Amino acid sequence: MKKILMSLVVMVVFSFIVSATAYDAASRVEIIANDLLTKNSIPVSNIKFEVTDKTVDNSTFADDRVVSVSKADLAYAGNDNEVAAVVANELGHIITGHASKDSLVSSITGTSTTQTLAGELISNYKFTKEEKEADVVAVNLMANAGYNPLAAIVVLTKQTSTYWDALKAQPANAERAMNIYDYANYAYPNSVKSGYSCIEYKNFLAYANEVVEKRNADPKAQEKLEKELQKYRKNSVSQISKFRTRGGLSFWDIILGIFKGQ
């Protein structure tokens, strides 16, 4: 009996390893990306996707219509929902025009926005703010396309916690993950009710429940969050809609094109 049980355990472990290694996230990018765009009624005929080992820079998207996706980020994606989360975040940055805005500022001032900001803390704030904006757009794109938006939390929390996160006993990228959770709960409550079956989400939920419980005891904090979520919802839906009607261009893409004389 012990031998039989041991054999079963080995088979289960082997099957898990095979299934984990068999999934090729990079090969799924173009299919899932086109699915995200199509189901959000965004023109896809002239948009291409590439997986890169380099730091992602989509500042030339308005010109070459190529969306770069980080191979390093895809390493944390174990299924189609999680690939959708990685791709949708990059699309979120493009739809909000973050890279084009930075390029415009750089063209005008001769320096990037991070270099002109006063200090590293402000630069970090800008980075986090833009990531949150992109995450919210990503949640909309994923939910509209039938992907589980909670996968965005899982991809983030699979990453290694910073030293500061560890000191505060927080999961990796806790601030962004919590923002995604709050927004998904606000805009797509059924997705949150359905949950996400993996240990990373289970661990995050233990952290999130404490945050929510503490916040619910503070009416002012709850009111502030409600206003932020309303603003996120309004802005993100509007940005996607305008990106769609412009044929796949953000406001900042158009302004940058005008500045360049295109």
Protein backbone atom coordinates (compact mmCIF):
# COMPACT_ATOMS: atom_id res chain seq x y z
CA MET A 1 0.00 0.00 0.00
CA LYS A 2 2.83 2.40 0.89
CA LYS A 3 4.46 1.70 -2.49
CA ILE A 4 1.18 2.41 -4.27
CA LEU A 5 0.69 5.67 -2.37
CA MET A 6 4.27 6.72 -3.05
CA SER A 7 3.81 5.96 -6.75
CA LEU A 8 0.66 8.07 -6.84
CA VAL A 9 2.45 10.98 -5.15
CA VAL A 10 5.33 10.76 -7.65
CA MET A 11 2.85 10.69 -10.55
CA VAL A 12 1.00 13.75 -9.24
CA VAL A 13 4.23 15.69 -8.70
CA PHE A 14 5.53 14.66 -12.13
CA SER A 15 2.24 15.68 -13.78
CA PHE A 16 2.38 19.06 -12.03
CA ILE A 17 5.95 19.67 -13.19
CA VAL A 18 5.11 18.66 -16.76
CA SER A 19 2.02 20.87 -16.88
CA ALA A 20 3.93 23.81 -15.40
CA THR A 21 6.81 23.52 -17.87
CA ALA A 22 4.59 22.71 -20.86
CA TYR A 23 2.87 26.09 -20.85
CA ASP A 24 4.66 28.47 -23.21
CA ALA A 25 3.52 31.98 -22.27
CA ALA A 26 5.44 33.72 -25.06
CA SER A 27 3.73 31.66 -27.76
CA ARG A 28 0.31 32.75 -26.46
CA VAL A 29 0.97 36.51 -26.51
CA GLU A 30 -0.21 37.38 -30.02
CA ILE A 31 -3.36 35.24 -29.84
CA ILE A 32 -4.40 36.58 -26.43
CA ALA A 33 -3.44 40.16 -27.32
CA ASN A 34 -5.59 40.11 -30.44
CA ASP A 35 -8.40 38.60 -28.39
CA LEU A 36 -8.14 41.44 -25.85
CA LEU A 37 -8.30 44.03 -28.62
CA THR A 38 -11.03 42.37 -30.68
CA LYS A 39 -13.38 41.84 -27.74
CA ASN A 40 -12.89 45.46 -26.73
CA SER A 41 -13.68 46.56 -30.32
CA ILE A 42 -10.22 48.06 -30.81
CA PRO A 43 -8.82 47.88 -34.38
CA VAL A 44 -6.18 45.14 -34.57
CA SER A 45 -5.30 44.86 -38.26
CA ASN A 46 -2.19 47.04 -38.05
CA ILE A 47 -1.05 46.26 -34.50
CA LYS A 48 1.72 43.72 -33.92
CA PHE A 49 3.13 42.19 -30.73
CA GLU A 50 6.67 41.15 -29.86
CA VAL A 51 8.22 39.49 -26.83
CA THR A 52 11.48 41.14 -25.79
CA ASP A 53 14.34 40.36 -23.41
CA LYS A 54 15.04 44.08 -23.13
CA THR A 55 13.37 46.70 -20.96
CA VAL A 56 9.99 47.41 -22.54
CA ASP A 57 9.77 50.75 -24.32
CA ASN A 58 6.56 51.31 -26.27
CA SER A 59 7.22 55.00 -26.93
CA THR A 60 7.33 54.34 -30.69
CA PHE A 61 3.95 52.59 -30.81
CA ALA A 62 2.21 55.49 -32.58
CA ASP A 63 4.76 55.17 -35.41
CA ASP A 64 5.48 51.46 -35.74
CA ARG A 65 2.27 50.02 -34.16
CA VAL A 66 4.34 47.42 -32.31
CA VAL A 67 3.55 46.48 -28.70
CA SER A 68 6.53 45.05 -26.82
CA VAL A 69 5.84 42.58 -24.01
CA SER A 70 8.45 41.70 -21.39
CA LYS A 71 9.74 38.13 -21.41
CA ALA A 72 10.69 38.61 -17.75
CA ASP A 73 7.08 39.46 -16.85
CA LEU A 74 5.78 36.50 -18.87
CA ALA A 75 7.93 34.24 -16.69
CA TYR A 76 5.31 34.79 -13.97
CA ALA A 77 2.40 33.83 -16.26
CA GLY A 78 1.30 30.22 -15.93
CA ASN A 79 -1.92 30.29 -17.96
CA ASP A 80 -3.90 32.38 -20.46
CA ASN A 81 -5.46 34.59 -17.78
CA GLU A 82 -2.02 35.54 -16.51
CA VAL A 83 -0.63 36.18 -20.00
CA ALA A 84 -3.67 38.40 -20.57
CA ALA A 85 -2.73 40.31 -17.41
CA VAL A 86 0.82 40.97 -18.65
CA VAL A 87 -0.31 42.01 -22.13
CA ALA A 88 -3.24 44.08 -20.87
CA ASN A 89 -0.92 46.07 -18.59
CA GLU A 90 1.25 47.03 -21.58
CA LEU A 91 -1.88 47.95 -23.53
CA GLY A 92 -2.98 49.96 -20.50
CA HIS A 93 0.17 52.07 -20.71
CA ILE A 94 -0.33 52.58 -24.44
CA ILE A 95 -4.02 53.50 -24.10
CA THR A 96 -3.23 56.03 -21.39
CA GLY A 97 -0.35 57.37 -23.47
CA HIS A 98 2.30 57.24 -20.74
CA ALA A 99 5.25 56.57 -23.05
CA SER A 100 4.17 59.15 -25.63
CA LYS A 101 3.69 61.73 -22.91
CA ASP A 102 7.23 61.11 -21.63
CA SER A 103 8.58 61.29 -25.19
CA LEU A 104 6.84 64.62 -25.73
CA VAL A 105 8.25 66.08 -22.51
CA SER A 106 11.68 64.74 -23.42
CA SER A 107 11.48 66.28 -26.90
CA ILE A 108 10.49 69.67 -25.48
CA THR A 109 12.81 69.84 -22.48
CA GLY A 110 15.64 67.58 -23.61
CA THR A 111 15.20 65.37 -20.55
CA SER A 112 12.77 62.74 -19.33
CA THR A 113 10.01 63.51 -16.83
CA THR A 114 11.75 61.41 -14.18
CA GLN A 115 14.89 63.49 -14.55
CA THR A 116 13.01 66.75 -14.15
CA LEU A 117 11.10 65.65 -11.06
CA ALA A 118 12.48 66.66 -7.70
CA GLY A 119 13.91 63.56 -6.15
CA GLU A 120 13.61 59.81 -6.28
CA LEU A 121 10.51 59.68 -4.07
CA ILE A 122 8.53 61.81 -6.51
CA SER A 123 9.83 59.70 -9.41
CA ASN A 124 8.67 56.55 -7.64
CA TYR A 125 5.28 58.14 -7.00
CA LYS A 126 4.94 58.92 -10.72
CA PHE A 127 5.89 55.33 -11.63
CA THR A 128 3.37 53.83 -9.18
CA LYS A 129 0.63 56.23 -10.26
CA GLU A 130 1.10 55.31 -13.93
CA GLU A 131 1.21 51.59 -13.15
CA LYS A 132 -2.06 51.88 -11.23
CA GLU A 133 -3.69 53.71 -14.14
CA ALA A 134 -2.48 51.04 -16.57
CA ASP A 135 -3.62 48.27 -14.21
CA VAL A 136 -7.15 49.67 -14.05
CA VAL A 137 -7.37 49.88 -17.85
CA ALA A 138 -6.00 46.32 -17.96
CA VAL A 139 -8.73 45.09 -15.60
CA ASN A 140 -11.37 46.56 -17.93
CA LEU A 141 -9.79 45.01 -21.02
CA MET A 142 -9.51 41.61 -19.35
CA ALA A 143 -13.03 41.56 -17.92
CA ASN A 144 -14.56 42.67 -21.23
CA ALA A 145 -12.64 39.92 -23.05
CA GLY A 146 -13.67 37.19 -20.61
CA TYR A 147 -10.37 36.82 -18.74
CA ASN A 148 -10.24 36.76 -14.95
CA PRO A 149 -8.90 40.19 -13.86
CA LEU A 150 -7.70 38.73 -10.57
CA ALA A 151 -4.89 37.14 -12.60
CA ALA A 152 -3.27 40.58 -12.62
CA ILE A 153 -2.92 40.32 -8.84
CA VAL A 154 -1.43 36.84 -9.11
CA VAL A 155 1.21 37.88 -11.66
CA LEU A 156 2.27 40.79 -9.44
CA THR A 157 2.40 38.81 -6.21
CA LYS A 158 4.38 35.96 -7.80
CA GLN A 159 7.25 38.39 -8.06
CA THR A 160 9.85 38.79 -5.34
CA SER A 161 8.95 41.17 -2.53
CA THR A 162 11.18 44.16 -1.98
CA TYR A 163 13.02 44.50 1.31
CA TRP A 164 10.51 47.18 2.34
CA ASP A 165 7.56 44.91 1.49
CA ALA A 166 9.09 42.16 3.60
CA LEU A 167 9.60 44.49 6.57
CA LYS A 168 5.94 45.48 6.40
CA ALA A 169 4.89 41.83 5.96
CA GLN A 170 3.29 42.68 2.63
CA PRO A 171 3.16 40.60 -0.56
CA ALA A 172 5.14 41.74 -3.60
CA ASN A 173 3.69 44.84 -5.30
CA ALA A 174 1.11 45.05 -2.51
CA GLU A 175 -0.01 48.61 -3.30
CA ARG A 176 -0.73 47.87 -6.97
CA ALA A 177 -2.29 44.50 -6.18
CA MET A 178 -4.60 46.07 -3.60
CA ASN A 179 -5.60 48.76 -6.08
CA ILE A 180 -6.50 46.08 -8.65
CA TYR A 181 -8.48 44.17 -6.01
CA ASP A 182 -10.43 47.27 -4.94
CA TYR A 183 -11.17 48.32 -8.50
CA ALA A 184 -12.21 44.81 -9.59
CA ASN A 185 -14.46 44.57 -6.54
CA TYR A 186 -16.01 47.92 -7.48
CA ALA A 187 -16.39 47.45 -11.25
CA TYR A 188 -16.59 43.65 -11.61
CA PRO A 189 -17.75 42.25 -8.24
CA ASN A 190 -18.73 38.88 -9.71
CA SER A 191 -15.14 38.25 -10.73
CA VAL A 192 -13.97 38.82 -7.18
CA LYS A 193 -16.74 36.59 -5.82
CA SER A 194 -15.65 33.81 -8.18
CA GLY A 195 -12.08 34.13 -6.90
CA TYR A 196 -8.90 32.66 -8.35
CA SER A 197 -7.62 29.21 -7.52
CA CYS A 198 -3.95 29.39 -6.60
CA ILE A 199 -1.78 29.79 -3.51
CA GLU A 200 -0.58 33.27 -4.51
CA TYR A 201 -4.12 34.64 -4.57
CA LYS A 202 -5.00 32.85 -1.34
CA ASN A 203 -2.02 34.47 0.37
CA PHE A 204 -2.86 37.88 -1.06
CA LEU A 205 -6.47 37.57 0.09
CA ALA A 206 -5.34 36.99 3.68
CA TYR A 207 -3.47 40.31 3.46
CA ALA A 208 -6.30 42.10 1.60
CA ASN A 209 -8.98 41.04 4.09
CA GLU A 210 -7.05 42.70 6.92
CA VAL A 211 -6.68 45.90 4.88
CA VAL A 212 -10.39 45.96 4.01
CA GLU A 213 -11.42 45.26 7.61
CA LYS A 214 -9.27 48.11 8.90
CA ARG A 215 -10.49 50.48 6.19
CA ASN A 216 -14.16 49.63 6.80
CA ALA A 217 -13.72 50.85 10.36
CA ASP A 218 -12.69 54.27 9.03
CA PRO A 219 -15.59 56.07 7.26
CA LYS A 220 -13.29 58.78 5.87
CA ALA A 221 -10.95 56.22 4.33
CA GLN A 222 -13.90 54.39 2.85
CA GLU A 223 -15.33 57.59 1.39
CA LYS A 224 -11.95 58.54 -0.10
CA LEU A 225 -11.62 55.11 -1.71
CA GLU A 226 -15.12 55.32 -3.19
CA LYS A 227 -14.28 58.62 -4.88
CA GLU A 228 -10.99 57.25 -6.22
CA LEU A 229 -12.71 54.18 -7.67
CA GLN A 230 -15.40 56.29 -9.32
CA LYS A 231 -12.70 58.43 -10.91
CA TYR A 232 -10.74 55.36 -12.04
CA ARG A 233 -13.87 53.89 -13.60
CA LYS A 234 -14.84 57.06 -15.45
CA ASN A 235 -11.33 57.83 -16.72
CA SER A 236 -10.40 54.30 -17.77
CA VAL A 237 -13.63 53.64 -19.66
CA SER A 238 -13.30 57.01 -21.39
CA GLN A 239 -9.65 56.34 -22.34
CA ILE A 240 -10.49 52.96 -23.87
CA SER A 241 -13.44 54.43 -25.76
CA LYS A 242 -11.40 57.32 -27.17
CA PHE A 243 -8.50 55.02 -28.06
CA ARG A 244 -11.00 52.90 -29.99
CA THR A 245 -12.60 55.80 -31.87
CA ARG A 246 -9.18 57.27 -32.74
CA GLY A 247 -8.26 54.01 -34.45
CA GLY A 248 -5.81 52.93 -31.79
CA LEU A 249 -4.19 56.18 -30.72
CA SER A 250 -4.07 57.85 -27.31
CA PHE A 251 -4.43 61.59 -26.75
CA TRP A 252 -0.68 61.84 -26.16
CA ASP A 253 0.07 59.90 -29.36
CA ILE A 254 -1.81 62.55 -31.33
CA ILE A 255 -0.17 65.47 -29.51
CA LEU A 256 3.27 63.92 -30.01
CA GLY A 257 2.51 63.45 -33.71
CA ILE A 258 1.47 67.08 -34.06
CA PHE A 259 4.66 68.19 -32.28
CA LYS A 260 6.75 66.10 -34.70
CA GLY A 261 4.82 67.57 -37.66
CA GLN A 262 3.25 64.26 -38.66
